[in-house]
ModelCIF file with pLDDT and N, C-alpha, C, O atoms, coordinates in Angstrom:
data_MODEL
#
_entry.id   MODEL 
#
_entity.id                         1 
_entity.type                       polymer 
_entity.pdbx_number_of_molecules   1 
#
_entity_poly.entity_id                      1 
_entity_poly.type                           'polypeptide(L)' 
_entity_poly.nstd_linkage                   no 
_entity_poly.nstd_monomer                   no 
_entity_poly.pdbx_seq_one_letter_code       
;(UNK)(UNK)(UNK)(UNK)(UNK)(UNK)(UNK)(UNK)(UNK)(UNK)(UNK)(UNK)(UNK)(UNK)(UNK)(UNK)
(UNK)(UNK)(UNK)(UNK)(UNK)(UNK)(UNK)(UNK)(UNK)(UNK)(UNK)(UNK)(UNK)(UNK)(UNK)(UNK)
(UNK)(UNK)(UNK)(UNK)(UNK)(UNK)(UNK)(UNK)(UNK)(UNK)(UNK)(UNK)(UNK)(UNK)(UNK)(UNK)
;
_entity_poly.pdbx_seq_one_letter_code_can   XXXXXXXXXXXXXXXXXXXXXXXXXXXXXXXXXXXXXXXXXXXXXXXX 
_entity_poly.pdbx_strand_id                 A 
#
loop_
_entity_poly_seq.entity_id 
_entity_poly_seq.num 
_entity_poly_seq.mon_id 
_entity_poly_seq.hetero 
1 1  UNK n 
1 2  UNK n 
1 3  UNK n 
1 4  UNK n 
1 5  UNK n 
1 6  UNK n 
1 7  UNK n 
1 8  UNK n 
1 9  UNK n 
1 10 UNK n 
1 11 UNK n 
1 12 UNK n 
1 13 UNK n 
1 14 UNK n 
1 15 UNK n 
1 16 UNK n 
1 17 UNK n 
1 18 UNK n 
1 19 UNK n 
1 20 UNK n 
1 21 UNK n 
1 22 UNK n 
1 23 UNK n 
1 24 UNK n 
1 25 UNK n 
1 26 UNK n 
1 27 UNK n 
1 28 UNK n 
1 29 UNK n 
1 30 UNK n 
1 31 UNK n 
1 32 UNK n 
1 33 UNK n 
1 34 UNK n 
1 35 UNK n 
1 36 UNK n 
1 37 UNK n 
1 38 UNK n 
1 39 UNK n 
1 40 UNK n 
1 41 UNK n 
1 42 UNK n 
1 43 UNK n 
1 44 UNK n 
1 45 UNK n 
1 46 UNK n 
1 47 UNK n 
1 48 UNK n 
#
_struct_asym.id          A 
_struct_asym.entity_id   1 
#
loop_
_ma_qa_metric.id 
_ma_qa_metric.mode 
_ma_qa_metric.name 
_ma_qa_metric.software_group_id 
_ma_qa_metric.type 
1 global pLDDT . pLDDT 
2 local  pLDDT . pLDDT 
#
_ma_qa_metric_global.metric_id      1 
_ma_qa_metric_global.metric_value   96.62 
_ma_qa_metric_global.model_id       1 
_ma_qa_metric_global.ordinal_id     1 
#
loop_
_ma_qa_metric_local.label_asym_id 
_ma_qa_metric_local.label_comp_id 
_ma_qa_metric_local.label_seq_id 
_ma_qa_metric_local.metric_id 
_ma_qa_metric_local.metric_value 
_ma_qa_metric_local.model_id 
_ma_qa_metric_local.ordinal_id 
A UNK 1  2 98.00 1 1  
A UNK 2  2 98.00 1 2  
A UNK 3  2 98.00 1 3  
A UNK 4  2 98.00 1 4  
A UNK 5  2 97.00 1 5  
A UNK 6  2 98.00 1 6  
A UNK 7  2 98.00 1 7  
A UNK 8  2 97.00 1 8  
A UNK 9  2 97.00 1 9  
A UNK 10 2 97.00 1 10 
A UNK 11 2 97.00 1 11 
A UNK 12 2 96.00 1 12 
A UNK 13 2 96.00 1 13 
A UNK 14 2 96.00 1 14 
A UNK 15 2 96.00 1 15 
A UNK 16 2 95.00 1 16 
A UNK 17 2 96.00 1 17 
A UNK 18 2 95.00 1 18 
A UNK 19 2 95.00 1 19 
A UNK 20 2 96.00 1 20 
A UNK 21 2 96.00 1 21 
A UNK 22 2 96.00 1 22 
A UNK 23 2 96.00 1 23 
A UNK 24 2 95.00 1 24 
A UNK 25 2 96.00 1 25 
A UNK 26 2 96.00 1 26 
A UNK 27 2 96.00 1 27 
A UNK 28 2 95.00 1 28 
A UNK 29 2 97.00 1 29 
A UNK 30 2 97.00 1 30 
A UNK 31 2 97.00 1 31 
A UNK 32 2 95.00 1 32 
A UNK 33 2 97.00 1 33 
A UNK 34 2 97.00 1 34 
A UNK 35 2 97.00 1 35 
A UNK 36 2 97.00 1 36 
A UNK 37 2 97.00 1 37 
A UNK 38 2 98.00 1 38 
A UNK 39 2 98.00 1 39 
A UNK 40 2 97.00 1 40 
A UNK 41 2 98.00 1 41 
A UNK 42 2 98.00 1 42 
A UNK 43 2 97.00 1 43 
A UNK 44 2 97.00 1 44 
A UNK 45 2 97.00 1 45 
A UNK 46 2 96.00 1 46 
A UNK 47 2 96.00 1 47 
A UNK 48 2 95.00 1 48 
#
loop_
_atom_site.group_PDB 
_atom_site.id 
_atom_site.type_symbol 
_atom_site.label_atom_id 
_atom_site.label_alt_id 
_atom_site.label_comp_id 
_atom_site.label_asym_id 
_atom_site.label_entity_id 
_atom_site.label_seq_id 
_atom_site.pdbx_PDB_ins_code 
_atom_site.Cartn_x 
_atom_site.Cartn_y 
_atom_site.Cartn_z 
_atom_site.occupancy 
_atom_site.B_iso_or_equiv 
_atom_site.pdbx_formal_charge 
_atom_site.auth_seq_id 
_atom_site.auth_comp_id 
_atom_site.auth_asym_id 
_atom_site.auth_atom_id 
_atom_site.pdbx_PDB_model_num 
ATOM 1   N N  . UNK A 1 1  ? 9.272  -6.887 21.833 1.00 98.00 ? 1  UNK A N  1 
ATOM 2   C CA . UNK A 1 1  ? 8.670  -5.801 21.601 1.00 98.00 ? 1  UNK A CA 1 
ATOM 3   C C  . UNK A 1 1  ? 8.949  -5.467 19.800 1.00 98.00 ? 1  UNK A C  1 
ATOM 4   O O  . UNK A 1 1  ? 8.075  -4.889 19.156 1.00 98.00 ? 1  UNK A O  1 
ATOM 5   N N  . UNK A 1 2  ? 10.162 -5.884 19.198 1.00 98.00 ? 2  UNK A N  1 
ATOM 6   C CA . UNK A 1 2  ? 10.142 -5.582 18.084 1.00 98.00 ? 2  UNK A CA 1 
ATOM 7   C C  . UNK A 1 2  ? 8.863  -6.194 17.190 1.00 98.00 ? 2  UNK A C  1 
ATOM 8   O O  . UNK A 1 2  ? 8.058  -5.558 16.510 1.00 98.00 ? 2  UNK A O  1 
ATOM 9   N N  . UNK A 1 3  ? 8.954  -7.824 17.446 1.00 98.00 ? 3  UNK A N  1 
ATOM 10  C CA . UNK A 1 3  ? 7.919  -8.515 16.948 1.00 98.00 ? 3  UNK A CA 1 
ATOM 11  C C  . UNK A 1 3  ? 6.434  -8.331 17.346 1.00 98.00 ? 3  UNK A C  1 
ATOM 12  O O  . UNK A 1 3  ? 5.569  -9.016 16.800 1.00 98.00 ? 3  UNK A O  1 
ATOM 13  N N  . UNK A 1 4  ? 6.166  -7.519 18.181 1.00 98.00 ? 4  UNK A N  1 
ATOM 14  C CA . UNK A 1 4  ? 4.893  -6.868 18.307 1.00 98.00 ? 4  UNK A CA 1 
ATOM 15  C C  . UNK A 1 4  ? 4.735  -5.814 17.783 1.00 98.00 ? 4  UNK A C  1 
ATOM 16  O O  . UNK A 1 4  ? 3.552  -5.523 17.603 1.00 98.00 ? 4  UNK A O  1 
ATOM 17  N N  . UNK A 1 5  ? 5.659  -4.908 17.365 1.00 97.00 ? 5  UNK A N  1 
ATOM 18  C CA . UNK A 1 5  ? 5.467  -3.850 16.626 1.00 97.00 ? 5  UNK A CA 1 
ATOM 19  C C  . UNK A 1 5  ? 5.459  -4.000 15.150 1.00 97.00 ? 5  UNK A C  1 
ATOM 20  O O  . UNK A 1 5  ? 4.702  -3.382 14.400 1.00 97.00 ? 5  UNK A O  1 
ATOM 21  N N  . UNK A 1 6  ? 6.323  -4.832 14.798 1.00 98.00 ? 6  UNK A N  1 
ATOM 22  C CA . UNK A 1 6  ? 6.165  -5.683 13.300 1.00 98.00 ? 6  UNK A CA 1 
ATOM 23  C C  . UNK A 1 6  ? 4.862  -5.913 12.747 1.00 98.00 ? 6  UNK A C  1 
ATOM 24  O O  . UNK A 1 6  ? 4.415  -5.670 11.626 1.00 98.00 ? 6  UNK A O  1 
ATOM 25  N N  . UNK A 1 7  ? 4.220  -6.557 14.011 1.00 98.00 ? 7  UNK A N  1 
ATOM 26  C CA . UNK A 1 7  ? 2.951  -7.320 13.266 1.00 98.00 ? 7  UNK A CA 1 
ATOM 27  C C  . UNK A 1 7  ? 1.844  -6.182 13.673 1.00 98.00 ? 7  UNK A C  1 
ATOM 28  O O  . UNK A 1 7  ? 0.724  -6.311 13.180 1.00 98.00 ? 7  UNK A O  1 
ATOM 29  N N  . UNK A 1 8  ? 2.039  -5.329 14.346 1.00 97.00 ? 8  UNK A N  1 
ATOM 30  C CA . UNK A 1 8  ? 0.996  -4.282 14.362 1.00 97.00 ? 8  UNK A CA 1 
ATOM 31  C C  . UNK A 1 8  ? 1.235  -3.433 12.851 1.00 97.00 ? 8  UNK A C  1 
ATOM 32  O O  . UNK A 1 8  ? 0.296  -3.314 12.065 1.00 97.00 ? 8  UNK A O  1 
ATOM 33  N N  . UNK A 1 9  ? 2.542  -2.890 12.570 1.00 97.00 ? 9  UNK A N  1 
ATOM 34  C CA . UNK A 1 9  ? 2.616  -2.525 11.215 1.00 97.00 ? 9  UNK A CA 1 
ATOM 35  C C  . UNK A 1 9  ? 2.110  -3.365 9.981  1.00 97.00 ? 9  UNK A C  1 
ATOM 36  O O  . UNK A 1 9  ? 1.558  -2.872 8.998  1.00 97.00 ? 9  UNK A O  1 
ATOM 37  N N  . UNK A 1 10 ? 2.314  -4.393 10.127 1.00 97.00 ? 10 UNK A N  1 
ATOM 38  C CA . UNK A 1 10 ? 1.483  -5.281 8.984  1.00 97.00 ? 10 UNK A CA 1 
ATOM 39  C C  . UNK A 1 10 ? 0.043  -5.372 9.213  1.00 97.00 ? 10 UNK A C  1 
ATOM 40  O O  . UNK A 1 10 ? -0.605 -5.639 8.201  1.00 97.00 ? 10 UNK A O  1 
ATOM 41  N N  . UNK A 1 11 ? -0.606 -5.218 10.280 1.00 97.00 ? 11 UNK A N  1 
ATOM 42  C CA . UNK A 1 11 ? -2.041 -5.222 10.245 1.00 97.00 ? 11 UNK A CA 1 
ATOM 43  C C  . UNK A 1 11 ? -2.351 -4.142 9.814  1.00 97.00 ? 11 UNK A C  1 
ATOM 44  O O  . UNK A 1 11 ? -3.360 -4.048 9.115  1.00 97.00 ? 11 UNK A O  1 
ATOM 45  N N  . UNK A 1 12 ? -1.495 -2.926 10.140 1.00 96.00 ? 12 UNK A N  1 
ATOM 46  C CA . UNK A 1 12 ? -1.883 -1.843 9.433  1.00 96.00 ? 12 UNK A CA 1 
ATOM 47  C C  . UNK A 1 12 ? -1.846 -1.328 7.847  1.00 96.00 ? 12 UNK A C  1 
ATOM 48  O O  . UNK A 1 12 ? -2.573 -0.576 7.197  1.00 96.00 ? 12 UNK A O  1 
ATOM 49  N N  . UNK A 1 13 ? -0.728 -2.043 7.560  1.00 96.00 ? 13 UNK A N  1 
ATOM 50  C CA . UNK A 1 13 ? -0.410 -2.101 6.181  1.00 96.00 ? 13 UNK A CA 1 
ATOM 51  C C  . UNK A 1 13 ? -1.817 -2.939 5.473  1.00 96.00 ? 13 UNK A C  1 
ATOM 52  O O  . UNK A 1 13 ? -2.335 -2.542 4.429  1.00 96.00 ? 13 UNK A O  1 
ATOM 53  N N  . UNK A 1 14 ? -2.144 -3.741 5.984  1.00 96.00 ? 14 UNK A N  1 
ATOM 54  C CA . UNK A 1 14 ? -3.338 -4.824 5.388  1.00 96.00 ? 14 UNK A CA 1 
ATOM 55  C C  . UNK A 1 14 ? -4.599 -3.954 5.549  1.00 96.00 ? 14 UNK A C  1 
ATOM 56  O O  . UNK A 1 14 ? -5.506 -4.201 4.754  1.00 96.00 ? 14 UNK A O  1 
ATOM 57  N N  . UNK A 1 15 ? -4.797 -3.002 6.429  1.00 96.00 ? 15 UNK A N  1 
ATOM 58  C CA . UNK A 1 15 ? -6.081 -2.348 6.743  1.00 96.00 ? 15 UNK A CA 1 
ATOM 59  C C  . UNK A 1 15 ? -6.342 -1.189 5.702  1.00 96.00 ? 15 UNK A C  1 
ATOM 60  O O  . UNK A 1 15 ? -7.355 -0.897 5.065  1.00 96.00 ? 15 UNK A O  1 
ATOM 61  N N  . UNK A 1 16 ? -4.897 -0.546 5.754  1.00 95.00 ? 16 UNK A N  1 
ATOM 62  C CA . UNK A 1 16 ? -5.159 0.929  5.110  1.00 95.00 ? 16 UNK A CA 1 
ATOM 63  C C  . UNK A 1 16 ? -4.513 0.856  3.466  1.00 95.00 ? 16 UNK A C  1 
ATOM 64  O O  . UNK A 1 16 ? -4.504 1.803  2.679  1.00 95.00 ? 16 UNK A O  1 
ATOM 65  N N  . UNK A 1 17 ? -3.962 -0.599 3.189  1.00 96.00 ? 17 UNK A N  1 
ATOM 66  C CA . UNK A 1 17 ? -3.148 -0.513 1.805  1.00 96.00 ? 17 UNK A CA 1 
ATOM 67  C C  . UNK A 1 17 ? -1.813 0.104  1.910  1.00 96.00 ? 17 UNK A C  1 
ATOM 68  O O  . UNK A 1 17 ? -1.601 0.939  2.789  1.00 96.00 ? 17 UNK A O  1 
ATOM 69  N N  . UNK A 1 18 ? -0.858 -0.266 1.033  1.00 95.00 ? 18 UNK A N  1 
ATOM 70  C CA . UNK A 1 18 ? 0.140  0.064  0.973  1.00 95.00 ? 18 UNK A CA 1 
ATOM 71  C C  . UNK A 1 18 ? 0.958  1.575  1.383  1.00 95.00 ? 18 UNK A C  1 
ATOM 72  O O  . UNK A 1 18 ? 1.868  1.727  2.197  1.00 95.00 ? 18 UNK A O  1 
ATOM 73  N N  . UNK A 1 19 ? 0.208  2.723  0.414  1.00 95.00 ? 19 UNK A N  1 
ATOM 74  C CA . UNK A 1 19 ? 0.386  3.838  0.573  1.00 95.00 ? 19 UNK A CA 1 
ATOM 75  C C  . UNK A 1 19 ? 0.080  4.676  1.853  1.00 95.00 ? 19 UNK A C  1 
ATOM 76  O O  . UNK A 1 19 ? 0.827  5.409  2.500  1.00 95.00 ? 19 UNK A O  1 
ATOM 77  N N  . UNK A 1 20 ? -1.269 4.349  2.037  1.00 96.00 ? 20 UNK A N  1 
ATOM 78  C CA . UNK A 1 20 ? -1.678 5.098  3.377  1.00 96.00 ? 20 UNK A CA 1 
ATOM 79  C C  . UNK A 1 20 ? -1.257 4.197  4.528  1.00 96.00 ? 20 UNK A C  1 
ATOM 80  O O  . UNK A 1 20 ? -1.185 4.760  5.620  1.00 96.00 ? 20 UNK A O  1 
ATOM 81  N N  . UNK A 1 21 ? -0.976 2.943  4.487  1.00 96.00 ? 21 UNK A N  1 
ATOM 82  C CA . UNK A 1 21 ? -0.310 2.581  5.362  1.00 96.00 ? 21 UNK A CA 1 
ATOM 83  C C  . UNK A 1 21 ? 1.120  3.021  5.882  1.00 96.00 ? 21 UNK A C  1 
ATOM 84  O O  . UNK A 1 21 ? 1.513  3.085  7.047  1.00 96.00 ? 21 UNK A O  1 
ATOM 85  N N  . UNK A 1 22 ? 1.692  3.266  4.879  1.00 96.00 ? 22 UNK A N  1 
ATOM 86  C CA . UNK A 1 22 ? 3.241  3.528  4.838  1.00 96.00 ? 22 UNK A CA 1 
ATOM 87  C C  . UNK A 1 22 ? 2.766  4.956  5.727  1.00 96.00 ? 22 UNK A C  1 
ATOM 88  O O  . UNK A 1 22 ? 3.101  5.068  6.906  1.00 96.00 ? 22 UNK A O  1 
ATOM 89  N N  . UNK A 1 23 ? 2.083  5.853  5.139  1.00 96.00 ? 23 UNK A N  1 
ATOM 90  C CA . UNK A 1 23 ? 2.190  7.209  5.640  1.00 96.00 ? 23 UNK A CA 1 
ATOM 91  C C  . UNK A 1 23 ? 1.606  7.136  7.340  1.00 96.00 ? 23 UNK A C  1 
ATOM 92  O O  . UNK A 1 23 ? 2.147  7.842  8.190  1.00 96.00 ? 23 UNK A O  1 
ATOM 93  N N  . UNK A 1 24 ? 0.747  6.440  7.603  1.00 95.00 ? 24 UNK A N  1 
ATOM 94  C CA . UNK A 1 24 ? 0.253  6.346  8.961  1.00 95.00 ? 24 UNK A CA 1 
ATOM 95  C C  . UNK A 1 24 ? 1.687  5.936  9.681  1.00 95.00 ? 24 UNK A C  1 
ATOM 96  O O  . UNK A 1 24 ? 2.196  6.779  10.419 1.00 95.00 ? 24 UNK A O  1 
ATOM 97  N N  . UNK A 1 25 ? 2.375  4.618  9.481  1.00 96.00 ? 25 UNK A N  1 
ATOM 98  C CA . UNK A 1 25 ? 3.415  4.523  10.214 1.00 96.00 ? 25 UNK A CA 1 
ATOM 99  C C  . UNK A 1 25 ? 4.667  5.573  10.513 1.00 96.00 ? 25 UNK A C  1 
ATOM 100 O O  . UNK A 1 25 ? 5.366  5.729  11.514 1.00 96.00 ? 25 UNK A O  1 
ATOM 101 N N  . UNK A 1 26 ? 4.647  6.271  9.127  1.00 96.00 ? 26 UNK A N  1 
ATOM 102 C CA . UNK A 1 26 ? 5.723  7.415  9.233  1.00 96.00 ? 26 UNK A CA 1 
ATOM 103 C C  . UNK A 1 26 ? 5.197  8.536  10.485 1.00 96.00 ? 26 UNK A C  1 
ATOM 104 O O  . UNK A 1 26 ? 5.926  9.145  11.268 1.00 96.00 ? 26 UNK A O  1 
ATOM 105 N N  . UNK A 1 27 ? 3.960  8.576  10.404 1.00 96.00 ? 27 UNK A N  1 
ATOM 106 C CA . UNK A 1 27 ? 3.428  9.636  11.307 1.00 96.00 ? 27 UNK A CA 1 
ATOM 107 C C  . UNK A 1 27 ? 3.424  8.986  12.612 1.00 96.00 ? 27 UNK A C  1 
ATOM 108 O O  . UNK A 1 27 ? 3.563  9.727  13.586 1.00 96.00 ? 27 UNK A O  1 
ATOM 109 N N  . UNK A 1 28 ? 3.316  7.971  12.769 1.00 95.00 ? 28 UNK A N  1 
ATOM 110 C CA . UNK A 1 28 ? 3.260  7.442  14.340 1.00 95.00 ? 28 UNK A CA 1 
ATOM 111 C C  . UNK A 1 28 ? 4.714  7.417  14.554 1.00 95.00 ? 28 UNK A C  1 
ATOM 112 O O  . UNK A 1 28 ? 4.979  7.897  15.657 1.00 95.00 ? 28 UNK A O  1 
ATOM 113 N N  . UNK A 1 29 ? 5.742  7.038  13.911 1.00 97.00 ? 29 UNK A N  1 
ATOM 114 C CA . UNK A 1 29 ? 6.919  6.736  14.343 1.00 97.00 ? 29 UNK A CA 1 
ATOM 115 C C  . UNK A 1 29 ? 7.585  8.437  14.360 1.00 97.00 ? 29 UNK A C  1 
ATOM 116 O O  . UNK A 1 29 ? 8.481  8.739  15.148 1.00 97.00 ? 29 UNK A O  1 
ATOM 117 N N  . UNK A 1 30 ? 7.149  9.173  13.636 1.00 97.00 ? 30 UNK A N  1 
ATOM 118 C CA . UNK A 1 30 ? 7.539  10.475 13.593 1.00 97.00 ? 30 UNK A CA 1 
ATOM 119 C C  . UNK A 1 30 ? 7.587  11.022 15.184 1.00 97.00 ? 30 UNK A C  1 
ATOM 120 O O  . UNK A 1 30 ? 8.485  11.687 15.700 1.00 97.00 ? 30 UNK A O  1 
ATOM 121 N N  . UNK A 1 31 ? 6.302  10.520 15.824 1.00 97.00 ? 31 UNK A N  1 
ATOM 122 C CA . UNK A 1 31 ? 6.139  11.319 17.061 1.00 97.00 ? 31 UNK A CA 1 
ATOM 123 C C  . UNK A 1 31 ? 7.178  10.600 17.872 1.00 97.00 ? 31 UNK A C  1 
ATOM 124 O O  . UNK A 1 31 ? 7.450  11.271 18.867 1.00 97.00 ? 31 UNK A O  1 
ATOM 125 N N  . UNK A 1 32 ? 7.731  9.687  17.821 1.00 95.00 ? 32 UNK A N  1 
ATOM 126 C CA . UNK A 1 32 ? 8.757  8.935  18.806 1.00 95.00 ? 32 UNK A CA 1 
ATOM 127 C C  . UNK A 1 32 ? 9.920  9.232  18.607 1.00 95.00 ? 32 UNK A C  1 
ATOM 128 O O  . UNK A 1 32 ? 10.687 9.350  19.563 1.00 95.00 ? 32 UNK A O  1 
ATOM 129 N N  . UNK A 1 33 ? 10.288 9.403  17.469 1.00 97.00 ? 33 UNK A N  1 
ATOM 130 C CA . UNK A 1 33 ? 11.648 9.595  16.824 1.00 97.00 ? 33 UNK A CA 1 
ATOM 131 C C  . UNK A 1 33 ? 12.157 10.841 15.841 1.00 97.00 ? 33 UNK A C  1 
ATOM 132 O O  . UNK A 1 33 ? 13.246 10.993 15.286 1.00 97.00 ? 33 UNK A O  1 
ATOM 133 N N  . UNK A 1 34 ? 10.839 11.764 15.830 1.00 97.00 ? 34 UNK A N  1 
ATOM 134 C CA . UNK A 1 34 ? 11.060 12.767 14.963 1.00 97.00 ? 34 UNK A CA 1 
ATOM 135 C C  . UNK A 1 34 ? 11.072 12.339 13.241 1.00 97.00 ? 34 UNK A C  1 
ATOM 136 O O  . UNK A 1 34 ? 11.538 11.302 12.769 1.00 97.00 ? 34 UNK A O  1 
ATOM 137 N N  . UNK A 1 35 ? 10.438 13.433 12.515 1.00 97.00 ? 35 UNK A N  1 
ATOM 138 C CA . UNK A 1 35 ? 10.046 13.679 11.087 1.00 97.00 ? 35 UNK A CA 1 
ATOM 139 C C  . UNK A 1 35 ? 11.282 13.359 10.228 1.00 97.00 ? 35 UNK A C  1 
ATOM 140 O O  . UNK A 1 35 ? 11.346 12.599 9.262  1.00 97.00 ? 35 UNK A O  1 
ATOM 141 N N  . UNK A 1 36 ? 12.310 14.153 10.826 1.00 97.00 ? 36 UNK A N  1 
ATOM 142 C CA . UNK A 1 36 ? 13.443 14.086 10.207 1.00 97.00 ? 36 UNK A CA 1 
ATOM 143 C C  . UNK A 1 36 ? 14.309 12.852 10.355 1.00 97.00 ? 36 UNK A C  1 
ATOM 144 O O  . UNK A 1 36 ? 15.057 12.508 9.440  1.00 97.00 ? 36 UNK A O  1 
ATOM 145 N N  . UNK A 1 37 ? 14.232 12.274 11.336 1.00 97.00 ? 37 UNK A N  1 
ATOM 146 C CA . UNK A 1 37 ? 15.007 10.766 11.179 1.00 97.00 ? 37 UNK A CA 1 
ATOM 147 C C  . UNK A 1 37 ? 14.018 9.541  10.687 1.00 97.00 ? 37 UNK A C  1 
ATOM 148 O O  . UNK A 1 37 ? 14.379 8.396  10.414 1.00 97.00 ? 37 UNK A O  1 
ATOM 149 N N  . UNK A 1 38 ? 12.799 10.023 10.646 1.00 98.00 ? 38 UNK A N  1 
ATOM 150 C CA . UNK A 1 38 ? 12.107 8.671  9.900  1.00 98.00 ? 38 UNK A CA 1 
ATOM 151 C C  . UNK A 1 38 ? 12.207 9.010  8.433  1.00 98.00 ? 38 UNK A C  1 
ATOM 152 O O  . UNK A 1 38 ? 12.338 8.055  7.666  1.00 98.00 ? 38 UNK A O  1 
ATOM 153 N N  . UNK A 1 39 ? 12.164 10.261 7.916  1.00 98.00 ? 39 UNK A N  1 
ATOM 154 C CA . UNK A 1 39 ? 12.336 10.402 6.530  1.00 98.00 ? 39 UNK A CA 1 
ATOM 155 C C  . UNK A 1 39 ? 13.968 10.034 6.172  1.00 98.00 ? 39 UNK A C  1 
ATOM 156 O O  . UNK A 1 39 ? 14.297 9.576  5.078  1.00 98.00 ? 39 UNK A O  1 
ATOM 157 N N  . UNK A 1 40 ? 14.786 10.270 7.108  1.00 97.00 ? 40 UNK A N  1 
ATOM 158 C CA . UNK A 1 40 ? 16.200 9.676  6.605  1.00 97.00 ? 40 UNK A CA 1 
ATOM 159 C C  . UNK A 1 40 ? 16.250 8.201  6.401  1.00 97.00 ? 40 UNK A C  1 
ATOM 160 O O  . UNK A 1 40 ? 16.879 7.692  5.473  1.00 97.00 ? 40 UNK A O  1 
ATOM 161 N N  . UNK A 1 41 ? 15.540 7.494  7.329  1.00 98.00 ? 41 UNK A N  1 
ATOM 162 C CA . UNK A 1 41 ? 15.597 6.084  7.472  1.00 98.00 ? 41 UNK A CA 1 
ATOM 163 C C  . UNK A 1 41 ? 14.568 5.480  6.004  1.00 98.00 ? 41 UNK A C  1 
ATOM 164 O O  . UNK A 1 41 ? 14.882 4.449  5.409  1.00 98.00 ? 41 UNK A O  1 
ATOM 165 N N  . UNK A 1 42 ? 13.672 6.102  5.711  1.00 98.00 ? 42 UNK A N  1 
ATOM 166 C CA . UNK A 1 42 ? 13.096 5.698  4.605  1.00 98.00 ? 42 UNK A CA 1 
ATOM 167 C C  . UNK A 1 42 ? 14.061 5.619  3.495  1.00 98.00 ? 42 UNK A C  1 
ATOM 168 O O  . UNK A 1 42 ? 14.487 4.610  2.932  1.00 98.00 ? 42 UNK A O  1 
ATOM 169 N N  . UNK A 1 43 ? 14.412 7.224  3.214  1.00 97.00 ? 43 UNK A N  1 
ATOM 170 C CA . UNK A 1 43 ? 15.335 7.380  2.146  1.00 97.00 ? 43 UNK A CA 1 
ATOM 171 C C  . UNK A 1 43 ? 14.939 7.261  0.743  1.00 97.00 ? 43 UNK A C  1 
ATOM 172 O O  . UNK A 1 43 ? 13.713 7.269  0.626  1.00 97.00 ? 43 UNK A O  1 
ATOM 173 N N  . UNK A 1 44 ? 15.643 7.140  -0.477 1.00 97.00 ? 44 UNK A N  1 
ATOM 174 C CA . UNK A 1 44 ? 15.121 7.515  -1.569 1.00 97.00 ? 44 UNK A CA 1 
ATOM 175 C C  . UNK A 1 44 ? 15.206 5.931  -2.422 1.00 97.00 ? 44 UNK A C  1 
ATOM 176 O O  . UNK A 1 44 ? 14.885 5.797  -3.603 1.00 97.00 ? 44 UNK A O  1 
ATOM 177 N N  . UNK A 1 45 ? 15.557 5.151  -1.801 1.00 97.00 ? 45 UNK A N  1 
ATOM 178 C CA . UNK A 1 45 ? 15.197 3.849  -2.401 1.00 97.00 ? 45 UNK A CA 1 
ATOM 179 C C  . UNK A 1 45 ? 16.337 3.385  -3.599 1.00 97.00 ? 45 UNK A C  1 
ATOM 180 O O  . UNK A 1 45 ? 16.257 2.321  -4.213 1.00 97.00 ? 45 UNK A O  1 
ATOM 181 N N  . UNK A 1 46 ? 17.317 4.315  -3.782 1.00 96.00 ? 46 UNK A N  1 
ATOM 182 C CA . UNK A 1 46 ? 18.406 3.991  -4.552 1.00 96.00 ? 46 UNK A CA 1 
ATOM 183 C C  . UNK A 1 46 ? 19.454 2.811  -3.999 1.00 96.00 ? 46 UNK A C  1 
ATOM 184 O O  . UNK A 1 46 ? 20.048 3.177  -2.985 1.00 96.00 ? 46 UNK A O  1 
ATOM 185 N N  . UNK A 1 47 ? 19.697 1.868  -4.325 1.00 96.00 ? 47 UNK A N  1 
ATOM 186 C CA . UNK A 1 47 ? 20.546 0.857  -3.753 1.00 96.00 ? 47 UNK A CA 1 
ATOM 187 C C  . UNK A 1 47 ? 21.749 1.427  -4.149 1.00 96.00 ? 47 UNK A C  1 
ATOM 188 O O  . UNK A 1 47 ? 22.103 1.494  -5.326 1.00 96.00 ? 47 UNK A O  1 
ATOM 189 N N  . UNK A 1 48 ? 22.566 1.955  -2.937 1.00 95.00 ? 48 UNK A N  1 
ATOM 190 C CA . UNK A 1 48 ? 24.034 2.119  -2.898 1.00 95.00 ? 48 UNK A CA 1 
ATOM 191 C C  . UNK A 1 48 ? 24.596 1.676  -1.728 1.00 95.00 ? 48 UNK A C  1 
ATOM 192 O O  . UNK A 1 48 ? 25.813 1.753  -1.560 1.00 95.00 ? 48 UNK A O  1 
#
């Protein structure tokens, strides 16, 4: 299941581009996991 979803996401990034692809993935995953959790998983990008 993980492999399938990863390749789906990869195809979406290739189709939409990096910025829009990330947005689409976040929207889709928010429906399943909630927007707050998805934003937390994404984080701020500071390595700590």
